Amino acid sequence: MSFVRRLFGRERVPEGVAAGLGADEHVVAQAALAGGGHLVVTSWGLWLPEEPPRRLGWHEIAKAAWNSGTLEVTASTAREVSGPGTVVLTDERPRRYRLDEPGKVPQAVHERVTGSIRSRSHRDLPGGGAWVLQRKVPGRDGLILQIRPDPGTDPAAVERLAQGVSARIGGNDGAARPDDRP
């Protein structure tokens, strides 16, 4: 890649990603993977180097860490409880991406995952606890309520917590649904 392209951020976006970008979605950073392919950071999420490319929304990423040239991303699978806008999360296996020239990708991912969180608190429960998060869904109005249990936490206690928090917040009327993708 030429110096001028890197300087002005005008790298060529992979064709599959460019075709899938939302109308208001813009590219923030990208980096080539050591073994081929690209990670593309946009305003709405992280485009994964799959065939076809797939966007993982910022609200779907539980953790992202940068260490020794590798970006590790842990996505979460959401299961809806007590109505629209409230989900219980289960972490997926971490995905690791080796980047020889990471550029702004690690910082951009960190800022956007963290920035999607509007509020968070931890609740002690039998067998562990759970994080209660309100997160913004990129490209949508409203927030979703996410319950992310610690390993070993009693599932029935997590379910009761999710229902109780959802009821107190008022069912998140007008909130984005976790399965709504931009």
Protein backbone atom coordinates (compact mmCIF):
# COMPACT_ATOMS: atom_id res chain seq x y z
CA MET A 1 0.00 0.00 0.00
CA SER A 2 1.36 3.38 -0.89
CA PHE A 3 2.39 5.99 1.67
CA VAL A 4 -0.15 8.49 0.30
CA ARG A 5 -3.04 6.03 0.64
CA ARG A 6 -2.08 5.30 4.26
CA LEU A 7 -1.56 8.98 5.04
CA PHE A 8 -5.00 10.01 3.80
CA GLY A 9 -6.84 6.85 4.85
CA ARG A 10 -7.89 6.05 1.31
CA GLU A 11 -7.14 2.37 1.30
CA ARG A 12 -9.24 0.32 -1.05
CA VAL A 13 -12.06 -1.35 0.84
CA PRO A 14 -12.48 -5.06 0.00
CA GLU A 15 -15.26 -5.50 -2.58
CA GLY A 16 -17.48 -7.70 -0.39
CA VAL A 17 -17.36 -5.14 2.43
CA ALA A 18 -17.98 -2.16 0.13
CA ALA A 19 -21.07 -3.87 -1.29
CA GLY A 20 -22.49 -4.51 2.19
CA LEU A 21 -21.97 -1.08 3.76
CA GLY A 22 -25.09 0.65 5.08
CA ALA A 23 -26.12 4.02 3.66
CA ASP A 24 -24.81 5.91 6.71
CA GLU A 25 -21.96 3.52 7.50
CA HIS A 26 -18.41 4.72 6.90
CA VAL A 27 -14.98 3.08 7.07
CA VAL A 28 -12.86 4.20 10.04
CA ALA A 29 -9.80 1.95 9.70
CA GLN A 30 -8.65 -1.29 8.13
CA ALA A 31 -5.69 -3.61 8.22
CA ALA A 32 -4.47 -6.58 6.23
CA LEU A 33 -4.29 -9.91 8.04
CA ALA A 34 -0.95 -11.69 8.18
CA GLY A 35 -2.40 -14.71 6.34
CA GLY A 36 -4.50 -12.75 3.84
CA GLY A 37 -7.80 -10.92 4.05
CA HIS A 38 -8.70 -7.71 5.86
CA LEU A 39 -10.31 -6.48 9.05
CA VAL A 40 -12.40 -3.40 8.32
CA VAL A 41 -13.60 -1.11 11.12
CA THR A 42 -16.68 0.95 10.31
CA SER A 43 -18.98 3.23 12.24
CA TRP A 44 -21.39 0.30 12.66
CA GLY A 45 -19.10 -2.63 13.40
CA LEU A 46 -16.14 -4.83 12.59
CA TRP A 47 -16.21 -6.57 9.22
CA LEU A 48 -14.77 -10.06 9.61
CA PRO A 49 -12.65 -11.72 6.91
CA GLU A 50 -15.19 -14.40 6.09
CA GLU A 51 -16.67 -15.41 2.76
CA PRO A 52 -18.89 -13.52 2.29
CA PRO A 53 -17.64 -10.79 4.65
CA ARG A 54 -19.82 -10.33 7.74
CA ARG A 55 -20.25 -7.34 10.03
CA LEU A 56 -20.18 -7.88 13.78
CA GLY A 57 -21.98 -4.89 15.35
CA TRP A 58 -20.25 -3.08 18.21
CA HIS A 59 -23.05 -4.14 20.57
CA GLU A 60 -22.33 -7.79 19.69
CA ILE A 61 -18.71 -7.69 20.86
CA ALA A 62 -18.22 -8.60 24.53
CA LYS A 63 -14.46 -8.09 24.58
CA ALA A 64 -11.65 -6.98 22.31
CA ALA A 65 -7.98 -7.08 23.29
CA TRP A 66 -4.76 -6.19 21.48
CA ASN A 67 -1.63 -8.14 22.44
CA SER A 68 1.63 -8.78 20.57
CA GLY A 69 0.29 -8.10 17.09
CA THR A 70 -2.93 -10.04 17.55
CA LEU A 71 -6.45 -8.66 17.93
CA GLU A 72 -8.65 -11.02 19.95
CA VAL A 73 -12.39 -10.47 19.57
CA THR A 74 -15.01 -12.22 21.69
CA ALA A 75 -18.51 -11.94 20.27
CA SER A 76 -21.68 -12.74 22.19
CA THR A 77 -24.76 -14.65 21.14
CA ALA A 78 -27.95 -12.99 22.37
CA ARG A 79 -31.07 -14.79 23.63
CA GLU A 80 -34.12 -12.58 24.06
CA VAL A 81 -35.95 -12.63 27.39
CA SER A 82 -38.99 -10.80 28.77
CA GLY A 83 -39.76 -8.91 25.63
CA PRO A 84 -38.06 -6.89 22.94
CA GLY A 85 -34.83 -5.14 23.77
CA THR A 86 -33.68 -7.39 26.63
CA VAL A 87 -31.20 -10.22 26.02
CA VAL A 88 -29.04 -12.64 27.95
CA LEU A 89 -25.59 -13.04 26.38
CA THR A 90 -23.40 -16.08 25.96
CA ASP A 91 -19.80 -15.52 24.90
CA GLU A 92 -18.61 -17.26 21.76
CA ARG A 93 -15.09 -18.58 21.30
CA PRO A 94 -12.59 -15.76 20.86
CA ARG A 95 -11.44 -15.07 17.31
CA ARG A 96 -7.81 -14.09 16.82
CA TYR A 97 -6.52 -11.96 13.98
CA ARG A 98 -2.79 -11.44 13.40
CA LEU A 99 -2.08 -7.98 11.96
CA ASP A 100 1.41 -7.15 10.68
CA GLU A 101 0.59 -3.44 10.26
CA PRO A 102 -2.39 -2.76 12.55
CA GLY A 103 -2.55 0.99 12.00
CA LYS A 104 -5.57 2.45 13.80
CA VAL A 105 -7.53 -0.82 13.96
CA PRO A 106 -6.84 -1.81 17.63
CA GLN A 107 -7.60 1.69 18.94
CA ALA A 108 -10.70 2.09 16.74
CA VAL A 109 -12.09 -1.29 17.86
CA HIS A 110 -11.47 -0.50 21.54
CA GLU A 111 -13.09 2.95 21.29
CA ARG A 112 -16.19 1.68 19.51
CA VAL A 113 -16.81 -1.37 21.68
CA THR A 114 -16.42 0.77 24.82
CA GLY A 115 -18.43 3.61 23.27
CA SER A 116 -21.41 1.33 22.59
CA ILE A 117 -21.86 0.88 26.35
CA ARG A 118 -24.12 3.57 27.82
CA SER A 119 -24.32 2.10 31.33
CA ARG A 120 -23.08 -0.97 33.17
CA SER A 121 -23.31 -2.44 36.63
CA HIS A 122 -22.45 -5.77 38.18
CA ARG A 123 -24.95 -7.72 40.28
CA ASP A 124 -24.03 -10.54 42.66
CA LEU A 125 -26.11 -13.69 42.06
CA PRO A 126 -26.02 -17.30 43.30
CA GLY A 127 -22.94 -19.00 41.84
CA GLY A 128 -21.40 -15.75 40.56
CA GLY A 129 -22.95 -12.62 39.16
CA ALA A 130 -23.91 -10.79 36.00
CA TRP A 131 -23.14 -7.56 34.20
CA VAL A 132 -26.17 -5.47 33.30
CA LEU A 133 -25.41 -3.31 30.26
CA GLN A 134 -27.33 -0.79 28.24
CA ARG A 135 -25.83 -0.54 24.77
CA LYS A 136 -26.37 1.49 21.67
CA VAL A 137 -26.96 -0.40 18.44
CA PRO A 138 -25.08 1.33 15.60
CA GLY A 139 -27.38 2.78 12.97
CA ARG A 140 -30.50 2.47 15.15
CA ASP A 141 -32.35 4.58 17.69
CA GLY A 142 -32.68 3.39 21.27
CA LEU A 143 -30.76 1.05 23.51
CA ILE A 144 -30.79 -2.65 24.21
CA LEU A 145 -30.48 -4.16 27.66
CA GLN A 146 -27.91 -6.96 27.88
CA ILE A 147 -27.34 -9.35 30.79
CA ARG A 148 -23.91 -11.01 30.64
CA PRO A 149 -23.57 -13.70 33.34
CA ASP A 150 -20.26 -14.67 34.89
CA PRO A 151 -19.26 -18.32 34.35
CA GLY A 152 -20.97 -20.63 36.84
CA THR A 153 -23.85 -18.27 37.65
CA ASP A 154 -27.22 -19.93 38.30
CA PRO A 155 -29.21 -19.64 35.02
CA ALA A 156 -32.53 -19.27 36.87
CA ALA A 157 -31.11 -16.34 38.86
CA VAL A 158 -29.91 -14.73 35.61
CA GLU A 159 -33.38 -15.12 34.12
CA ARG A 160 -35.02 -13.54 37.18
CA LEU A 161 -32.54 -10.65 37.08
CA ALA A 162 -33.21 -10.07 33.36
CA GLN A 163 -36.96 -10.03 33.87
CA GLY A 164 -36.73 -7.75 36.92
CA VAL A 165 -34.40 -5.23 35.31
CA SER A 166 -36.46 -5.20 32.11
CA ALA A 167 -39.67 -4.57 34.09
CA ARG A 168 -38.05 -1.68 36.03
CA ILE A 169 -36.83 -0.04 32.85
CA GLY A 170 -40.28 -0.36 31.34
CA GLY A 171 -39.69 -3.03 28.74
CA ASN A 172 -37.41 -0.76 26.71
CA ASP A 173 -40.27 0.62 24.58
CA GLY A 174 -38.81 1.91 21.35
CA ALA A 175 -35.50 0.17 21.94
CA ALA A 176 -33.65 -1.53 19.13
CA ARG A 177 -34.13 -5.27 19.08
CA PRO A 178 -30.96 -7.37 19.36
CA ASP A 179 -31.72 -9.15 16.11
CA ASP A 180 -32.21 -5.88 14.19
CA ARG A 181 -29.11 -5.44 12.09
CA PRO A 182 -28.24 -2.20 10.47
